C-alpha cells in the first residue's frame, strides 16, 4: 500500500511538471515540416536559407496577434519577433503548439516570459545582434561633436559663413570614458584606438 502511494505521489508530481509542456514536435518523412513564423516582419531572407531543410518559414507582418493567421496560431512551433509586437499571457494562449520564441534583438520586455515558462514555451534573445551598428553610431556621434559636422552643414544650408572654427577639436590624442564592459563598448574601443583616441574603461554599467 505504501509503495502504491509513493508511485501515486510521483505521478502527481510528474503531471504538475508536465502541465505546461507542449506536445512533442513530429518531424520526419511521415510528418510535414514544422512551421516557424516571423510575427512582425516580412523579410525572411536570413531565416529561409538556414531553416529551409528543417522547417517551413512564413511571415505575418502583424502588429498584434489579432492580425496573425489562424494557421500560424494553430500550427506554429517557433516564432521569430522584433520589437513591434507584444505577446502577453492572453496572446500566448492563442498559440496551440508554440514551443519557442526567438526575440531578434537584445531585449525581451515585449514577451511575458513568466507566462511563457508556465506554458512550456522557451524564450530566447540575441544580445549581440546590433553590437557593430551600436559602435558605429556611437563613433559617428562623437566625431560629430568633435568636428561639428552638423553645425557646419546647417550653416551651409542657411547660406551663412561658418565661424568660430576654434570650436572644432581634434579627435587624435583625446580620451573617452567607457561605462561598462559590454560587447558594444569593446567594439567602440577598437574603433577609437584607430583614431588614436584612448578609451578609459569603467566597470560600472
N, C-alpha and C. Protein backbone atom coordinates (compact mmCIF):
# COMPACT_ATOMS: atom_id res chain seq x y z
N UNK A 1 0.83 -1.21 0.00
CA UNK A 1 0.00 0.00 0.00
C UNK A 1 0.86 1.25 0.00
N UNK A 2 1.91 1.22 0.83
CA UNK A 2 2.83 2.36 0.90
C UNK A 2 3.53 2.56 -0.43
N UNK A 3 3.88 1.43 -1.10
CA UNK A 3 4.56 1.51 -2.39
C UNK A 3 3.65 2.14 -3.43
N UNK A 4 2.37 1.80 -3.42
CA UNK A 4 1.41 2.38 -4.36
C UNK A 4 1.25 3.88 -4.12
N UNK A 5 1.25 4.28 -2.84
CA UNK A 5 1.14 5.70 -2.51
C UNK A 5 2.33 6.47 -3.06
N UNK A 6 3.53 5.89 -2.95
CA UNK A 6 4.73 6.55 -3.47
C UNK A 6 4.64 6.75 -4.97
N UNK A 7 4.18 5.70 -5.67
CA UNK A 7 4.03 5.81 -7.13
C UNK A 7 2.99 6.87 -7.49
N UNK A 8 1.93 6.94 -6.69
CA UNK A 8 0.88 7.93 -6.94
C UNK A 8 1.40 9.34 -6.75
N UNK A 9 2.20 9.56 -5.70
CA UNK A 9 2.78 10.88 -5.45
C UNK A 9 3.72 11.27 -6.58
N UNK A 10 4.56 10.33 -7.02
CA UNK A 10 5.49 10.61 -8.12
C UNK A 10 4.73 10.97 -9.39
N UNK A 11 3.64 10.23 -9.65
CA UNK A 11 2.84 10.51 -10.85
C UNK A 11 2.21 11.90 -10.76
N UNK A 12 1.72 12.28 -9.59
CA UNK A 12 1.13 13.61 -9.41
C UNK A 12 2.17 14.71 -9.63
N UNK A 13 3.39 14.50 -9.12
CA UNK A 13 4.46 15.47 -9.32
C UNK A 13 4.79 15.59 -10.80
N UNK A 14 4.88 14.45 -11.48
CA UNK A 14 5.19 14.46 -12.91
C UNK A 14 4.10 15.16 -13.70
N UNK A 15 2.84 14.93 -13.32
CA UNK A 15 1.73 15.59 -14.01
C UNK A 15 1.80 17.11 -13.85
N UNK A 16 2.18 17.57 -12.64
CA UNK A 16 2.29 19.01 -12.41
C UNK A 16 3.41 19.62 -13.24
N UNK A 17 4.53 18.88 -13.33
CA UNK A 17 5.66 19.37 -14.12
C UNK A 17 5.29 19.48 -15.59
N UNK A 18 4.51 18.51 -16.06
CA UNK A 18 4.20 18.42 -17.50
C UNK A 18 2.97 19.22 -17.90
N UNK A 19 2.32 19.86 -16.94
CA UNK A 19 1.10 20.61 -17.26
C UNK A 19 1.33 21.65 -18.34
N UNK A 20 2.48 22.37 -18.26
CA UNK A 20 2.73 23.45 -19.21
C UNK A 20 3.54 23.04 -20.41
N UNK A 21 3.90 21.76 -20.52
CA UNK A 21 4.75 21.32 -21.63
C UNK A 21 3.89 21.00 -22.84
N UNK A 22 4.27 21.53 -23.99
CA UNK A 22 3.51 21.31 -25.21
C UNK A 22 3.80 19.91 -25.76
N UNK A 23 2.95 19.39 -26.64
CA UNK A 23 3.18 18.07 -27.23
C UNK A 23 4.45 18.06 -28.07
N UNK A 24 5.08 16.89 -28.24
CA UNK A 24 6.34 16.82 -28.99
C UNK A 24 6.15 17.21 -30.45
N UNK A 25 7.22 17.74 -31.05
CA UNK A 25 7.20 18.12 -32.46
C UNK A 25 7.42 16.87 -33.31
N UNK A 26 6.47 16.56 -34.16
CA UNK A 26 6.59 15.39 -35.03
C UNK A 26 7.24 15.82 -36.33
N UNK A 27 8.40 15.24 -36.62
CA UNK A 27 9.13 15.62 -37.82
C UNK A 27 9.69 14.36 -38.45
N UNK A 28 9.96 14.42 -39.74
CA UNK A 28 10.49 13.27 -40.44
C UNK A 28 9.73 13.03 -41.72
N UNK A 29 10.04 11.92 -42.41
CA UNK A 29 9.42 11.67 -43.72
C UNK A 29 7.92 11.47 -43.66
N UNK A 30 7.38 11.03 -42.51
CA UNK A 30 5.94 10.78 -42.40
C UNK A 30 5.17 11.98 -41.86
N UNK A 31 5.88 13.06 -41.54
CA UNK A 31 5.23 14.23 -40.97
C UNK A 31 5.67 15.49 -41.73
N UNK A 32 4.78 16.45 -41.86
CA UNK A 32 5.18 17.70 -42.52
C UNK A 32 6.21 18.45 -41.69
N UNK A 33 6.96 19.31 -42.35
CA UNK A 33 7.95 20.10 -41.63
C UNK A 33 7.26 21.09 -40.70
N UNK A 34 7.82 21.31 -39.51
CA UNK A 34 7.20 22.25 -38.57
C UNK A 34 7.17 23.66 -39.12
N UNK A 35 6.20 24.42 -38.66
CA UNK A 35 6.01 25.79 -39.13
C UNK A 35 6.69 26.78 -38.18
N UNK A 36 7.52 27.65 -38.74
CA UNK A 36 8.16 28.74 -38.00
C UNK A 36 7.70 30.05 -38.62
N UNK A 37 7.24 30.98 -37.79
CA UNK A 37 6.66 32.23 -38.31
C UNK A 37 7.41 33.45 -37.81
N UNK A 38 7.68 34.38 -38.72
CA UNK A 38 8.17 35.70 -38.35
C UNK A 38 6.94 36.57 -38.10
N UNK A 39 6.72 36.94 -36.86
CA UNK A 39 5.44 37.56 -36.49
C UNK A 39 5.28 38.99 -36.97
N UNK A 40 6.30 39.83 -36.78
CA UNK A 40 6.13 41.26 -37.07
C UNK A 40 7.11 41.75 -38.13
N UNK A 41 7.24 40.98 -39.20
CA UNK A 41 8.11 41.39 -40.29
C UNK A 41 7.77 40.64 -41.56
N UNK A 42 8.41 41.04 -42.66
CA UNK A 42 8.20 40.41 -43.96
C UNK A 42 9.47 39.82 -44.54
N UNK A 43 10.61 40.32 -44.10
CA UNK A 43 11.89 39.92 -44.69
C UNK A 43 12.40 38.65 -44.02
N UNK A 44 12.34 37.53 -44.72
CA UNK A 44 12.81 36.25 -44.19
C UNK A 44 14.06 35.78 -44.93
N UNK A 45 14.81 36.69 -45.52
CA UNK A 45 15.96 36.30 -46.33
C UNK A 45 17.07 35.67 -45.50
N UNK A 46 17.13 35.98 -44.22
CA UNK A 46 18.13 35.35 -43.35
C UNK A 46 17.63 33.98 -42.87
N UNK A 47 16.37 33.92 -42.49
CA UNK A 47 15.83 32.69 -41.90
C UNK A 47 15.62 31.59 -42.92
N UNK A 48 15.19 31.95 -44.13
CA UNK A 48 14.86 30.95 -45.15
C UNK A 48 16.01 29.99 -45.44
N UNK A 49 17.23 30.48 -45.77
CA UNK A 49 18.32 29.56 -46.09
C UNK A 49 18.71 28.67 -44.91
N UNK A 50 18.59 29.20 -43.70
CA UNK A 50 19.00 28.44 -42.52
C UNK A 50 18.00 27.33 -42.19
N UNK A 51 16.71 27.62 -42.35
CA UNK A 51 15.67 26.69 -41.91
C UNK A 51 15.01 25.91 -43.04
N UNK A 52 15.40 26.16 -44.29
CA UNK A 52 14.66 25.60 -45.43
C UNK A 52 14.61 24.07 -45.43
N UNK A 53 15.61 23.41 -44.85
CA UNK A 53 15.63 21.94 -44.87
C UNK A 53 14.95 21.31 -43.66
N UNK A 54 14.61 22.12 -42.67
CA UNK A 54 14.05 21.54 -41.44
C UNK A 54 12.68 22.12 -41.07
N UNK A 55 12.31 23.25 -41.66
CA UNK A 55 11.05 23.89 -41.28
C UNK A 55 10.48 24.70 -42.43
N UNK A 56 9.19 24.96 -42.35
CA UNK A 56 8.53 25.88 -43.27
C UNK A 56 8.47 27.25 -42.62
N UNK A 57 8.96 28.26 -43.32
CA UNK A 57 9.04 29.61 -42.75
C UNK A 57 7.95 30.48 -43.38
N UNK A 58 7.20 31.16 -42.54
CA UNK A 58 6.15 32.07 -43.01
C UNK A 58 6.32 33.42 -42.32
N UNK A 59 5.81 34.47 -42.95
CA UNK A 59 5.84 35.78 -42.30
C UNK A 59 4.41 36.27 -42.10
N UNK A 60 4.20 37.05 -41.04
CA UNK A 60 2.87 37.55 -40.70
C UNK A 60 2.74 39.05 -40.88
N UNK A 61 3.84 39.79 -40.65
CA UNK A 61 3.83 41.25 -40.73
C UNK A 61 2.70 41.82 -39.87
N UNK A 62 2.58 41.32 -38.64
CA UNK A 62 1.47 41.71 -37.76
C UNK A 62 1.95 42.65 -36.67
N UNK A 63 1.03 43.46 -36.18
CA UNK A 63 1.29 44.34 -35.05
C UNK A 63 0.63 43.81 -33.77
N UNK A 64 -0.23 42.82 -33.91
CA UNK A 64 -0.87 42.17 -32.76
C UNK A 64 -1.27 40.77 -33.18
N UNK A 65 -1.60 39.93 -32.20
CA UNK A 65 -1.99 38.55 -32.52
C UNK A 65 -3.33 38.50 -33.26
N UNK A 66 -4.11 39.56 -33.19
CA UNK A 66 -5.37 39.60 -33.93
C UNK A 66 -5.14 39.60 -35.44
N UNK A 67 -3.95 40.01 -35.86
CA UNK A 67 -3.63 40.07 -37.29
C UNK A 67 -2.91 38.81 -37.77
N UNK A 68 -2.66 37.87 -36.88
CA UNK A 68 -1.95 36.65 -37.24
C UNK A 68 -2.93 35.60 -37.76
N UNK A 69 -2.57 34.96 -38.86
CA UNK A 69 -3.44 33.97 -39.49
C UNK A 69 -3.69 32.79 -38.55
N UNK A 70 -4.89 32.23 -38.65
CA UNK A 70 -5.29 31.13 -37.77
C UNK A 70 -4.38 29.92 -37.93
N UNK A 71 -3.88 29.69 -39.13
CA UNK A 71 -2.98 28.55 -39.37
C UNK A 71 -1.71 28.68 -38.54
N UNK A 72 -1.19 29.91 -38.45
CA UNK A 72 0.02 30.15 -37.64
C UNK A 72 -0.29 29.93 -36.17
N UNK A 73 -1.42 30.44 -35.70
CA UNK A 73 -1.80 30.27 -34.30
C UNK A 73 -1.97 28.80 -33.94
N UNK A 74 -2.46 28.01 -34.87
CA UNK A 74 -2.74 26.60 -34.59
C UNK A 74 -1.54 25.69 -34.79
N UNK A 75 -0.64 26.05 -35.72
CA UNK A 75 0.39 25.09 -36.13
C UNK A 75 1.83 25.53 -35.86
N UNK A 76 2.08 26.80 -35.65
CA UNK A 76 3.47 27.26 -35.50
C UNK A 76 4.10 26.67 -34.23
N UNK A 77 5.31 26.12 -34.39
CA UNK A 77 6.06 25.61 -33.23
C UNK A 77 7.16 26.59 -32.83
N UNK A 78 7.50 27.50 -33.74
CA UNK A 78 8.51 28.51 -33.45
C UNK A 78 8.06 29.86 -33.94
N UNK A 79 8.42 30.91 -33.20
CA UNK A 79 8.06 32.28 -33.59
C UNK A 79 9.28 33.17 -33.48
N UNK A 80 9.51 33.96 -34.52
CA UNK A 80 10.56 34.98 -34.52
C UNK A 80 9.88 36.33 -34.41
N UNK A 81 10.46 37.25 -33.66
CA UNK A 81 9.80 38.55 -33.49
C UNK A 81 10.83 39.64 -33.23
N UNK A 82 10.48 40.85 -33.70
CA UNK A 82 11.28 42.03 -33.41
C UNK A 82 10.68 42.71 -32.18
N UNK A 83 10.57 44.02 -32.20
CA UNK A 83 10.09 44.76 -31.03
C UNK A 83 8.73 45.42 -31.25
N UNK A 84 8.13 45.23 -32.42
CA UNK A 84 6.90 45.95 -32.74
C UNK A 84 5.64 45.19 -32.38
N UNK A 85 5.78 43.99 -31.83
CA UNK A 85 4.62 43.22 -31.39
C UNK A 85 4.85 42.78 -29.95
N UNK A 86 3.78 42.72 -29.17
CA UNK A 86 3.86 42.32 -27.77
C UNK A 86 3.06 41.04 -27.56
N UNK A 87 3.65 40.11 -26.82
CA UNK A 87 2.98 38.86 -26.52
C UNK A 87 2.70 38.76 -25.02
N UNK A 88 1.46 38.99 -24.64
CA UNK A 88 1.04 38.85 -23.25
C UNK A 88 0.60 37.41 -23.01
N UNK A 89 0.16 37.12 -21.79
CA UNK A 89 -0.33 35.77 -21.49
C UNK A 89 -1.51 35.41 -22.40
N UNK A 90 -2.44 36.33 -22.57
CA UNK A 90 -3.59 36.06 -23.43
C UNK A 90 -3.16 35.79 -24.87
N UNK A 91 -2.14 36.52 -25.33
CA UNK A 91 -1.64 36.31 -26.69
C UNK A 91 -0.99 34.94 -26.81
N UNK A 92 -0.19 34.57 -25.81
CA UNK A 92 0.50 33.28 -25.85
C UNK A 92 -0.49 32.12 -25.81
N UNK A 93 -1.60 32.30 -25.11
CA UNK A 93 -2.62 31.25 -25.04
C UNK A 93 -3.23 30.95 -26.41
N UNK A 94 -3.17 31.90 -27.32
CA UNK A 94 -3.75 31.70 -28.65
C UNK A 94 -2.94 30.73 -29.51
N UNK A 95 -1.66 30.59 -29.19
CA UNK A 95 -0.80 29.67 -29.95
C UNK A 95 -0.96 28.27 -29.38
N UNK A 96 -1.39 27.33 -30.21
CA UNK A 96 -1.72 25.99 -29.74
C UNK A 96 -0.50 25.07 -29.65
N UNK A 97 0.49 25.28 -30.48
CA UNK A 97 1.63 24.36 -30.49
C UNK A 97 2.98 25.04 -30.36
N UNK A 98 2.99 26.29 -29.94
CA UNK A 98 4.24 27.06 -29.89
C UNK A 98 5.19 26.48 -28.85
N UNK A 99 6.46 26.30 -29.25
CA UNK A 99 7.46 25.73 -28.34
C UNK A 99 8.59 26.70 -28.04
N UNK A 100 8.87 27.62 -28.95
CA UNK A 100 10.00 28.53 -28.74
C UNK A 100 9.73 29.87 -29.40
N UNK A 101 10.16 30.94 -28.73
CA UNK A 101 10.09 32.30 -29.27
C UNK A 101 11.51 32.84 -29.32
N UNK A 102 11.90 33.36 -30.46
CA UNK A 102 13.22 33.98 -30.60
C UNK A 102 13.02 35.47 -30.81
N UNK A 103 13.43 36.25 -29.86
CA UNK A 103 13.37 37.72 -29.97
C UNK A 103 14.60 38.18 -30.72
N UNK A 104 14.41 38.73 -31.92
CA UNK A 104 15.53 39.18 -32.76
C UNK A 104 15.97 40.54 -32.23
N UNK A 105 16.83 40.53 -31.26
CA UNK A 105 17.29 41.76 -30.62
C UNK A 105 17.78 41.45 -29.22
N UNK A 106 18.24 42.48 -28.53
CA UNK A 106 18.86 42.26 -27.23
C UNK A 106 17.86 42.20 -26.08
N UNK A 107 16.67 42.75 -26.24
CA UNK A 107 15.71 42.77 -25.15
C UNK A 107 14.62 41.72 -25.33
N UNK A 108 13.84 41.51 -24.28
CA UNK A 108 12.69 40.60 -24.37
C UNK A 108 11.54 41.10 -23.51
N UNK A 109 11.49 42.43 -23.31
CA UNK A 109 10.44 43.01 -22.47
C UNK A 109 9.08 43.03 -23.15
N UNK A 110 8.99 42.67 -24.42
CA UNK A 110 7.69 42.60 -25.09
C UNK A 110 7.13 41.18 -25.11
N UNK A 111 7.70 40.31 -24.27
CA UNK A 111 7.19 38.95 -24.11
C UNK A 111 6.96 38.69 -22.62
N UNK A 112 5.82 38.15 -22.27
CA UNK A 112 5.56 37.75 -20.89
C UNK A 112 6.30 36.44 -20.64
N UNK A 113 7.55 36.55 -20.19
CA UNK A 113 8.39 35.35 -20.06
C UNK A 113 7.90 34.43 -18.95
N UNK A 114 7.27 34.98 -17.93
CA UNK A 114 6.74 34.13 -16.86
C UNK A 114 5.61 33.26 -17.39
N UNK A 115 4.70 33.87 -18.14
CA UNK A 115 3.60 33.10 -18.73
C UNK A 115 4.12 32.09 -19.74
N UNK A 116 5.13 32.49 -20.51
CA UNK A 116 5.72 31.58 -21.49
C UNK A 116 6.30 30.35 -20.80
N UNK A 117 7.00 30.55 -19.69
CA UNK A 117 7.59 29.43 -18.96
C UNK A 117 6.50 28.49 -18.44
N UNK A 118 5.42 29.06 -17.94
CA UNK A 118 4.32 28.24 -17.42
C UNK A 118 3.64 27.44 -18.53
N UNK A 119 3.68 27.98 -19.75
CA UNK A 119 3.07 27.29 -20.89
C UNK A 119 4.04 26.35 -21.59
N UNK A 120 5.28 26.28 -21.10
CA UNK A 120 6.27 25.40 -21.71
C UNK A 120 6.88 25.96 -22.97
N UNK A 121 6.88 27.29 -23.10
CA UNK A 121 7.45 27.95 -24.28
C UNK A 121 8.78 28.58 -23.91
N UNK A 122 9.84 28.16 -24.57
CA UNK A 122 11.16 28.75 -24.32
C UNK A 122 11.25 30.11 -25.01
N UNK A 123 11.94 31.05 -24.37
CA UNK A 123 12.12 32.39 -24.93
C UNK A 123 13.62 32.68 -25.01
N UNK A 124 14.08 33.04 -26.19
CA UNK A 124 15.50 33.36 -26.42
C UNK A 124 15.61 34.77 -26.98
N UNK A 125 16.78 35.37 -26.79
CA UNK A 125 17.05 36.66 -27.44
C UNK A 125 18.43 36.62 -28.05
N UNK A 126 18.81 37.70 -28.72
CA UNK A 126 20.11 37.78 -29.40
C UNK A 126 20.84 39.00 -28.85
N UNK A 127 21.55 38.85 -27.72
CA UNK A 127 22.15 40.01 -27.05
C UNK A 127 23.12 40.80 -27.93
N UNK A 128 23.83 40.13 -28.81
CA UNK A 128 24.85 40.81 -29.62
C UNK A 128 24.37 41.12 -31.03
N UNK A 129 23.05 41.27 -31.19
CA UNK A 129 22.51 41.43 -32.54
C UNK A 129 22.92 42.72 -33.22
N UNK A 130 23.18 43.79 -32.47
CA UNK A 130 23.49 45.08 -33.09
C UNK A 130 24.74 45.72 -32.49
N UNK A 131 25.70 44.88 -32.11
CA UNK A 131 26.93 45.39 -31.49
C UNK A 131 27.68 46.32 -32.44
N UNK A 132 27.91 45.87 -33.67
CA UNK A 132 28.69 46.66 -34.62
C UNK A 132 27.97 47.95 -34.98
N UNK A 133 26.64 47.86 -35.17
CA UNK A 133 25.87 49.06 -35.52
C UNK A 133 25.89 50.08 -34.39
N UNK A 134 25.78 49.59 -33.15
CA UNK A 134 25.81 50.49 -31.99
C UNK A 134 27.15 51.19 -31.89
N UNK A 135 28.24 50.44 -32.08
CA UNK A 135 29.58 51.03 -32.02
C UNK A 135 29.78 52.05 -33.13
N UNK A 136 29.30 51.74 -34.35
CA UNK A 136 29.42 52.69 -35.46
C UNK A 136 28.67 53.98 -35.17
N UNK A 137 27.44 53.85 -34.66
CA UNK A 137 26.63 55.03 -34.37
C UNK A 137 27.27 55.89 -33.29
N UNK A 138 27.76 55.24 -32.23
CA UNK A 138 28.41 55.99 -31.15
C UNK A 138 29.62 56.76 -31.66
N UNK A 139 30.41 56.13 -32.53
CA UNK A 139 31.59 56.80 -33.07
C UNK A 139 31.18 57.98 -33.95
N UNK A 140 30.14 57.80 -34.76
CA UNK A 140 29.67 58.91 -35.61
C UNK A 140 29.21 60.10 -34.77
N UNK A 141 28.50 59.84 -33.69
CA UNK A 141 28.02 60.93 -32.83
C UNK A 141 29.18 61.67 -32.17
N UNK A 142 30.18 60.92 -31.73
CA UNK A 142 31.34 61.56 -31.09
C UNK A 142 32.13 62.37 -32.10
N UNK A 143 32.32 61.82 -33.30
CA UNK A 143 33.02 62.58 -34.34
C UNK A 143 32.27 63.86 -34.69
N UNK A 144 30.95 63.78 -34.69
CA UNK A 144 30.14 64.97 -34.97
C UNK A 144 30.35 66.03 -33.89
N UNK A 145 30.44 65.61 -32.63
CA UNK A 145 30.67 66.56 -31.54
C UNK A 145 32.04 67.22 -31.65
N UNK A 146 33.03 66.43 -32.03
CA UNK A 146 34.39 66.96 -32.14
C UNK A 146 34.55 67.84 -33.37
N UNK A 147 34.04 67.38 -34.50
CA UNK A 147 34.30 68.06 -35.78
C UNK A 147 33.17 69.00 -36.19
N UNK A 148 32.08 69.05 -35.44
CA UNK A 148 30.97 69.98 -35.65
C UNK A 148 30.37 69.88 -37.06
N UNK A 149 30.23 68.66 -37.53
CA UNK A 149 29.74 68.44 -38.90
C UNK A 149 28.31 68.96 -39.06
N UNK A 150 27.43 68.65 -38.11
CA UNK A 150 26.04 69.10 -38.20
C UNK A 150 25.96 70.62 -38.17
N UNK A 151 26.75 71.24 -37.33
CA UNK A 151 26.78 72.70 -37.20
C UNK A 151 27.19 73.35 -38.52
N UNK A 152 28.26 72.83 -39.15
CA UNK A 152 28.72 73.39 -40.42
C UNK A 152 27.72 73.11 -41.54
N UNK A 153 27.08 71.95 -41.51
CA UNK A 153 26.08 71.63 -42.52
C UNK A 153 24.90 72.60 -42.45
N UNK A 154 24.47 72.90 -41.23
CA UNK A 154 23.36 73.84 -41.05
C UNK A 154 23.73 75.24 -41.53
N UNK A 155 24.97 75.66 -41.23
CA UNK A 155 25.42 76.98 -41.68
C UNK A 155 25.46 77.04 -43.21
N UNK A 156 25.88 75.95 -43.84
CA UNK A 156 25.94 75.90 -45.30
C UNK A 156 24.53 75.98 -45.89
N UNK A 157 23.59 75.30 -45.30
CA UNK A 157 22.21 75.33 -45.81
C UNK A 157 21.59 76.71 -45.67
N UNK A 158 21.95 77.41 -44.59
CA UNK A 158 21.39 78.74 -44.36
C UNK A 158 22.13 79.82 -45.13
N UNK A 159 23.22 79.44 -45.81
CA UNK A 159 23.98 80.41 -46.59
C UNK A 159 24.82 81.34 -45.75
N UNK A 160 25.08 80.94 -44.51
CA UNK A 160 25.93 81.76 -43.64
C UNK A 160 27.32 81.17 -43.57
N UNK A 161 28.26 82.03 -43.26
CA UNK A 161 29.65 81.58 -43.19
C UNK A 161 29.91 80.98 -41.81
N UNK A 162 30.49 79.79 -41.82
CA UNK A 162 30.82 79.14 -40.56
C UNK A 162 31.97 79.87 -39.90
N UNK A 163 31.76 80.28 -38.67
CA UNK A 163 32.80 80.98 -37.93
C UNK A 163 33.14 80.18 -36.67
N UNK A 164 34.02 80.74 -35.87
CA UNK A 164 34.43 80.08 -34.62
C UNK A 164 34.95 78.68 -34.88
N UNK A 165 35.82 78.55 -35.88
CA UNK A 165 36.36 77.23 -36.19
C UNK A 165 37.21 76.68 -35.06
N UNK A 166 37.57 77.55 -34.10
CA UNK A 166 38.35 77.05 -32.98
C UNK A 166 37.55 76.06 -32.13
N UNK A 167 36.23 76.04 -32.32
CA UNK A 167 35.42 75.08 -31.59
C UNK A 167 35.53 73.67 -32.16
N UNK A 168 36.12 73.56 -33.35
CA UNK A 168 36.34 72.24 -33.94
C UNK A 168 37.58 71.63 -33.30
N UNK A 169 37.42 70.46 -32.74
CA UNK A 169 38.50 69.85 -31.98
C UNK A 169 39.06 68.64 -32.70
N UNK A 170 40.30 68.30 -32.40
CA UNK A 170 40.93 67.11 -32.96
C UNK A 170 40.56 65.88 -32.13
N UNK A 171 40.33 64.79 -32.84
CA UNK A 171 39.99 63.55 -32.16
C UNK A 171 41.25 62.86 -31.64
N UNK A 172 42.29 62.86 -32.46
CA UNK A 172 43.54 62.19 -32.08
C UNK A 172 44.09 62.79 -30.80
N UNK A 173 44.50 61.93 -29.90
CA UNK A 173 45.06 62.39 -28.64
C UNK A 173 44.02 62.61 -27.56
N UNK A 174 42.75 62.50 -27.93
CA UNK A 174 41.69 62.68 -26.94
C UNK A 174 41.49 61.42 -26.11
N UNK A 175 40.63 61.53 -25.14
CA UNK A 175 40.32 60.39 -24.27
C UNK A 175 38.83 60.34 -24.03
N UNK A 176 38.29 59.15 -24.03
CA UNK A 176 36.85 58.97 -23.80
C UNK A 176 36.65 57.90 -22.74
N UNK A 177 35.73 58.15 -21.84
CA UNK A 177 35.44 57.17 -20.79
C UNK A 177 34.29 56.26 -21.24
N UNK A 178 34.52 54.97 -21.13
CA UNK A 178 33.50 53.98 -21.48
C UNK A 178 32.93 53.40 -20.20
N UNK A 179 31.63 53.52 -20.05
CA UNK A 179 30.97 52.95 -18.87
C UNK A 179 30.46 51.55 -19.21
N UNK A 180 30.96 50.57 -18.49
CA UNK A 180 30.57 49.19 -18.75
C UNK A 180 31.59 48.49 -19.62
N UNK A 181 31.52 47.17 -19.63
CA UNK A 181 32.46 46.37 -20.41
C UNK A 181 31.70 45.39 -21.30
N UNK A 182 30.67 45.87 -21.91
CA UNK A 182 29.87 45.02 -22.77
C UNK A 182 30.47 44.96 -24.16
N UNK A 183 29.84 44.13 -25.01
CA UNK A 183 30.37 43.90 -26.35
C UNK A 183 30.44 45.18 -27.16
N UNK A 184 29.38 46.02 -27.08
CA UNK A 184 29.36 47.26 -27.85
C UNK A 184 30.46 48.20 -27.39
N UNK A 185 30.74 48.22 -26.08
CA UNK A 185 31.82 49.07 -25.56
C UNK A 185 33.16 48.63 -26.10
N UNK A 186 33.39 47.32 -26.13
CA UNK A 186 34.65 46.79 -26.67
C UNK A 186 34.79 47.09 -28.15
N UNK A 187 33.69 46.95 -28.89
CA UNK A 187 33.73 47.23 -30.32
C UNK A 187 34.03 48.70 -30.57
N UNK A 188 33.42 49.58 -29.77
CA UNK A 188 33.69 51.02 -29.93
C UNK A 188 35.13 51.34 -29.57
N UNK A 189 35.67 50.73 -28.52
CA UNK A 189 37.05 50.99 -28.10
C UNK A 189 38.03 50.63 -29.21
N UNK A 190 37.77 49.52 -29.91
CA UNK A 190 38.64 49.15 -31.02
C UNK A 190 38.63 50.18 -32.13
N UNK A 191 37.49 50.76 -32.42
CA UNK A 191 37.41 51.81 -33.43
C UNK A 191 38.11 53.08 -32.96
N UNK A 192 37.92 53.41 -31.68
CA UNK A 192 38.51 54.64 -31.16
C UNK A 192 40.04 54.60 -31.20
N UNK A 193 40.60 53.43 -30.97
CA UNK A 193 42.07 53.31 -30.99
C UNK A 193 42.62 53.62 -32.38
N UNK A 194 41.86 53.27 -33.41
CA UNK A 194 42.33 53.56 -34.77
C UNK A 194 42.37 55.06 -35.04
N UNK A 195 41.58 55.82 -34.29
CA UNK A 195 41.59 57.28 -34.41
C UNK A 195 42.57 57.89 -33.41
N UNK A 196 43.34 57.03 -32.75
CA UNK A 196 44.30 57.47 -31.72
C UNK A 196 43.59 58.23 -30.60
N UNK A 197 42.42 57.70 -30.27
CA UNK A 197 41.65 58.25 -29.15
C UNK A 197 41.63 57.18 -28.07
N UNK A 198 42.27 57.45 -26.95
CA UNK A 198 42.43 56.44 -25.92
C UNK A 198 41.21 56.27 -25.06
N UNK A 199 40.52 55.10 -25.15
CA UNK A 199 39.36 54.87 -24.29
C UNK A 199 39.78 54.51 -22.87
N UNK A 200 39.03 55.01 -21.90
CA UNK A 200 39.25 54.66 -20.50
C UNK A 200 38.00 53.92 -20.01
N UNK A 201 38.19 52.70 -19.59
CA UNK A 201 37.06 51.85 -19.24
C UNK A 201 36.67 51.99 -17.78
N UNK A 202 35.38 51.94 -17.53
CA UNK A 202 34.84 51.95 -16.18
C UNK A 202 33.97 50.72 -16.02
N UNK A 203 34.09 50.04 -14.90
CA UNK A 203 33.36 48.78 -14.70
C UNK A 203 31.88 49.00 -14.51
N UNK A 204 31.48 50.20 -14.12
CA UNK A 204 30.05 50.44 -13.87
C UNK A 204 29.28 50.45 -15.17
N UNK A 205 28.05 49.91 -15.11
CA UNK A 205 27.22 49.82 -16.33
C UNK A 205 26.49 51.12 -16.58
